[in-house]
Amino acid sequence: MQSHHGYNNRDRFRCPFCDKIFDRAVGWHRHVKTHSRVKPYRCGFCEYRSVKRYNIMCHMKKLHKPDATYNDIVKDAEFDYGVPIEEININKFVIGGDT
């Protein structure tokens, strides 16, 4: 059975950088960002940076402002994977099931 994204429920996704395998596309997308050369998200209260907004939220709530929101995060760069974005299109890394 295919999802609304066109992937079969048995499809799995391989990271193009480290060959880690994911059962869900959302996990693949989240993981691939960790290989970016840029940490585009910055704490609105200090210079702490991260690839993931969630990490910035945890940092801000713990160290600066317990009621911090995503509006307090500064995004001042785009992800840079060191390769053209077309080369990391998820459709090139689907493995397993019937498509």
C-alpha atoms as a PDB file:
ATOM      1  CA  MET A   1       0.000   0.000   0.000  1.00  0.00           C
ATOM      2  CA  GLN A   2       1.367   3.414  -0.937  1.00  0.00           C
ATOM      3  CA  SER A   3       1.278   6.508   1.255  1.00  0.00           C
ATOM      4  CA  HIS A   4       0.247   9.924  -0.017  1.00  0.00           C
ATOM      5  CA  HIS A   5       3.963  10.521  -0.777  1.00  0.00           C
ATOM      6  CA  GLY A   6       4.051   7.559  -3.167  1.00  0.00           C
ATOM      7  CA  TYR A   7       6.301   5.384  -1.002  1.00  0.00           C
ATOM      8  CA  ASN A   8       5.377   1.809  -0.250  1.00  0.00           C
ATOM      9  CA  ASN A   9       4.900   0.942   3.447  1.00  0.00           C
ATOM     10  CA  ARG A  10       7.858  -1.448   3.109  1.00  0.00           C
ATOM     11  CA  ASP A  11      10.161   1.142   1.522  1.00  0.00           C
ATOM     12  CA  ARG A  12      13.238   2.142   3.429  1.00  0.00           C
ATOM     13  CA  PHE A  13      15.568   5.069   2.878  1.00  0.00           C
ATOM     14  CA  ARG A  14      19.385   5.100   2.858  1.00  0.00           C
ATOM     15  CA  CYS A  15      21.393   8.144   3.940  1.00  0.00           C
ATOM     16  CA  PRO A  16      23.632   9.247   1.042  1.00  0.00           C
ATOM     17  CA  PHE A  17      26.385  10.285   3.466  1.00  0.00           C
ATOM     18  CA  CYS A  18      26.712   7.451   5.990  1.00  0.00           C
ATOM     19  CA  ASP A  19      24.469   4.664   4.616  1.00  0.00           C
ATOM     20  CA  LYS A  20      22.252   4.612   7.714  1.00  0.00           C
ATOM     21  CA  ILE A  21      18.834   3.090   6.878  1.00  0.00           C
ATOM     22  CA  PHE A  22      15.466   4.624   7.854  1.00  0.00           C
ATOM     23  CA  ASP A  23      11.996   3.074   7.837  1.00  0.00           C
ATOM     24  CA  ARG A  24      10.269   6.443   7.429  1.00  0.00           C
ATOM     25  CA  ALA A  25      10.942   9.355   5.092  1.00  0.00           C
ATOM     26  CA  VAL A  26      10.573  11.878   7.915  1.00  0.00           C
ATOM     27  CA  GLY A  27      13.445  10.232   9.809  1.00  0.00           C
ATOM     28  CA  TRP A  28      15.582  10.300   6.663  1.00  0.00           C
ATOM     29  CA  HIS A  29      14.941  14.016   6.130  1.00  0.00           C
ATOM     30  CA  ARG A  30      15.718  14.826   9.768  1.00  0.00           C
ATOM     31  CA  HIS A  31      18.923  12.768   9.719  1.00  0.00           C
ATOM     32  CA  VAL A  32      20.302  14.093   6.412  1.00  0.00           C
ATOM     33  CA  LYS A  33      20.285  17.615   7.876  1.00  0.00           C
ATOM     34  CA  THR A  34      22.818  16.499  10.484  1.00  0.00           C
ATOM     35  CA  HIS A  35      25.364  16.117   7.676  1.00  0.00           C
ATOM     36  CA  SER A  36      24.999  19.749   6.636  1.00  0.00           C
ATOM     37  CA  ARG A  37      28.106  21.920   6.754  1.00  0.00           C
ATOM     38  CA  VAL A  38      26.058  24.779   8.188  1.00  0.00           C
ATOM     39  CA  LYS A  39      24.257  25.199  11.493  1.00  0.00           C
ATOM     40  CA  PRO A  40      21.574  27.613  10.293  1.00  0.00           C
ATOM     41  CA  TYR A  41      19.676  28.028  13.575  1.00  0.00           C
ATOM     42  CA  ARG A  42      21.024  30.296  16.313  1.00  0.00           C
ATOM     43  CA  CYS A  43      19.843  31.051  19.827  1.00  0.00           C
ATOM     44  CA  GLY A  44      18.224  34.470  20.051  1.00  0.00           C
ATOM     45  CA  PHE A  45      20.054  35.127  23.345  1.00  0.00           C
ATOM     46  CA  CYS A  46      23.615  33.917  22.658  1.00  0.00           C
ATOM     47  CA  GLU A  47      25.773  32.472  19.879  1.00  0.00           C
ATOM     48  CA  TYR A  48      24.819  28.787  20.368  1.00  0.00           C
ATOM     49  CA  ARG A  49      24.060  27.208  16.979  1.00  0.00           C
ATOM     50  CA  SER A  50      22.560  23.936  15.769  1.00  0.00           C
ATOM     51  CA  VAL A  51      21.371  22.086  12.695  1.00  0.00           C
ATOM     52  CA  LYS A  52      18.034  21.411  14.437  1.00  0.00           C
ATOM     53  CA  ARG A  53      15.560  23.983  15.732  1.00  0.00           C
ATOM     54  CA  TYR A  54      14.527  21.593  18.489  1.00  0.00           C
ATOM     55  CA  ASN A  55      18.058  21.663  19.948  1.00  0.00           C
ATOM     56  CA  ILE A  56      17.939  25.466  20.033  1.00  0.00           C
ATOM     57  CA  MET A  57      14.569  25.381  21.824  1.00  0.00           C
ATOM     58  CA  CYS A  58      15.896  23.016  24.494  1.00  0.00           C
ATOM     59  CA  HIS A  59      18.979  25.214  24.940  1.00  0.00           C
ATOM     60  CA  MET A  60      16.974  28.440  25.260  1.00  0.00           C
ATOM     61  CA  LYS A  61      14.408  26.987  27.672  1.00  0.00           C
ATOM     62  CA  LYS A  62      17.118  25.484  29.872  1.00  0.00           C
ATOM     63  CA  LEU A  63      19.592  28.380  29.901  1.00  0.00           C
ATOM     64  CA  HIS A  64      17.788  31.594  29.026  1.00  0.00           C
ATOM     65  CA  LYS A  65      14.005  31.718  28.983  1.00  0.00           C
ATOM     66  CA  PRO A  66      11.695  28.886  30.118  1.00  0.00           C
ATOM     67  CA  ASP A  67       8.849  30.281  28.015  1.00  0.00           C
ATOM     68  CA  ALA A  68      10.930  30.687  24.832  1.00  0.00           C
ATOM     69  CA  THR A  69       9.153  30.064  21.520  1.00  0.00           C
ATOM     70  CA  TYR A  70      10.289  29.235  18.010  1.00  0.00           C
ATOM     71  CA  ASN A  71      10.001  32.969  17.289  1.00  0.00           C
ATOM     72  CA  ASP A  72      13.078  33.453  19.517  1.00  0.00           C
ATOM     73  CA  ILE A  73      15.222  31.364  17.147  1.00  0.00           C
ATOM     74  CA  VAL A  74      17.323  33.163  14.545  1.00  0.00           C
ATOM     75  CA  LYS A  75      17.765  31.484  11.155  1.00  0.00           C
ATOM     76  CA  ASP A  76      20.614  33.128   9.333  1.00  0.00           C
ATOM     77  CA  ALA A  77      21.846  30.522   6.857  1.00  0.00           C
ATOM     78  CA  GLU A  78      20.608  27.805   4.557  1.00  0.00           C
ATOM     79  CA  PHE A  79      21.633  24.169   4.745  1.00  0.00           C
ATOM     80  CA  ASP A  80      24.801  23.358   2.792  1.00  0.00           C
ATOM     81  CA  TYR A  81      25.353  19.684   2.096  1.00  0.00           C
ATOM     82  CA  GLY A  82      28.504  20.156   0.031  1.00  0.00           C
ATOM     83  CA  VAL A  83      26.772  18.560  -2.967  1.00  0.00           C
ATOM     84  CA  PRO A  84      23.985  19.814  -5.249  1.00  0.00           C
ATOM     85  CA  ILE A  85      20.599  19.380  -3.555  1.00  0.00           C
ATOM     86  CA  GLU A  86      19.393  17.335  -6.549  1.00  0.00           C
ATOM     87  CA  GLU A  87      21.944  14.670  -5.637  1.00  0.00           C
ATOM     88  CA  ILE A  88      20.307  14.072  -2.248  1.00  0.00           C
ATOM     89  CA  ASN A  89      16.735  13.794  -3.508  1.00  0.00           C
ATOM     90  CA  ILE A  90      15.070  11.114  -1.351  1.00  0.00           C
ATOM     91  CA  ASN A  91      13.740   9.271  -4.402  1.00  0.00           C
ATOM     92  CA  LYS A  92      17.297   8.266  -5.296  1.00  0.00           C
ATOM     93  CA  PHE A  93      17.732   6.561  -1.907  1.00  0.00           C
ATOM     94  CA  VAL A  94      14.548   4.451  -1.626  1.00  0.00           C
ATOM     95  CA  ILE A  95      15.365   0.784  -1.057  1.00  0.00           C
ATOM     96  CA  GLY A  96      13.266  -2.279  -0.373  1.00  0.00           C
ATOM     97  CA  GLY A  97       9.503  -2.594  -1.072  1.00  0.00           C
ATOM     98  CA  ASP A  98       7.612  -2.257  -4.332  1.00  0.00           C
ATOM     99  CA  THR A  99       7.404   1.236  -5.823  1.00  0.00           C
END
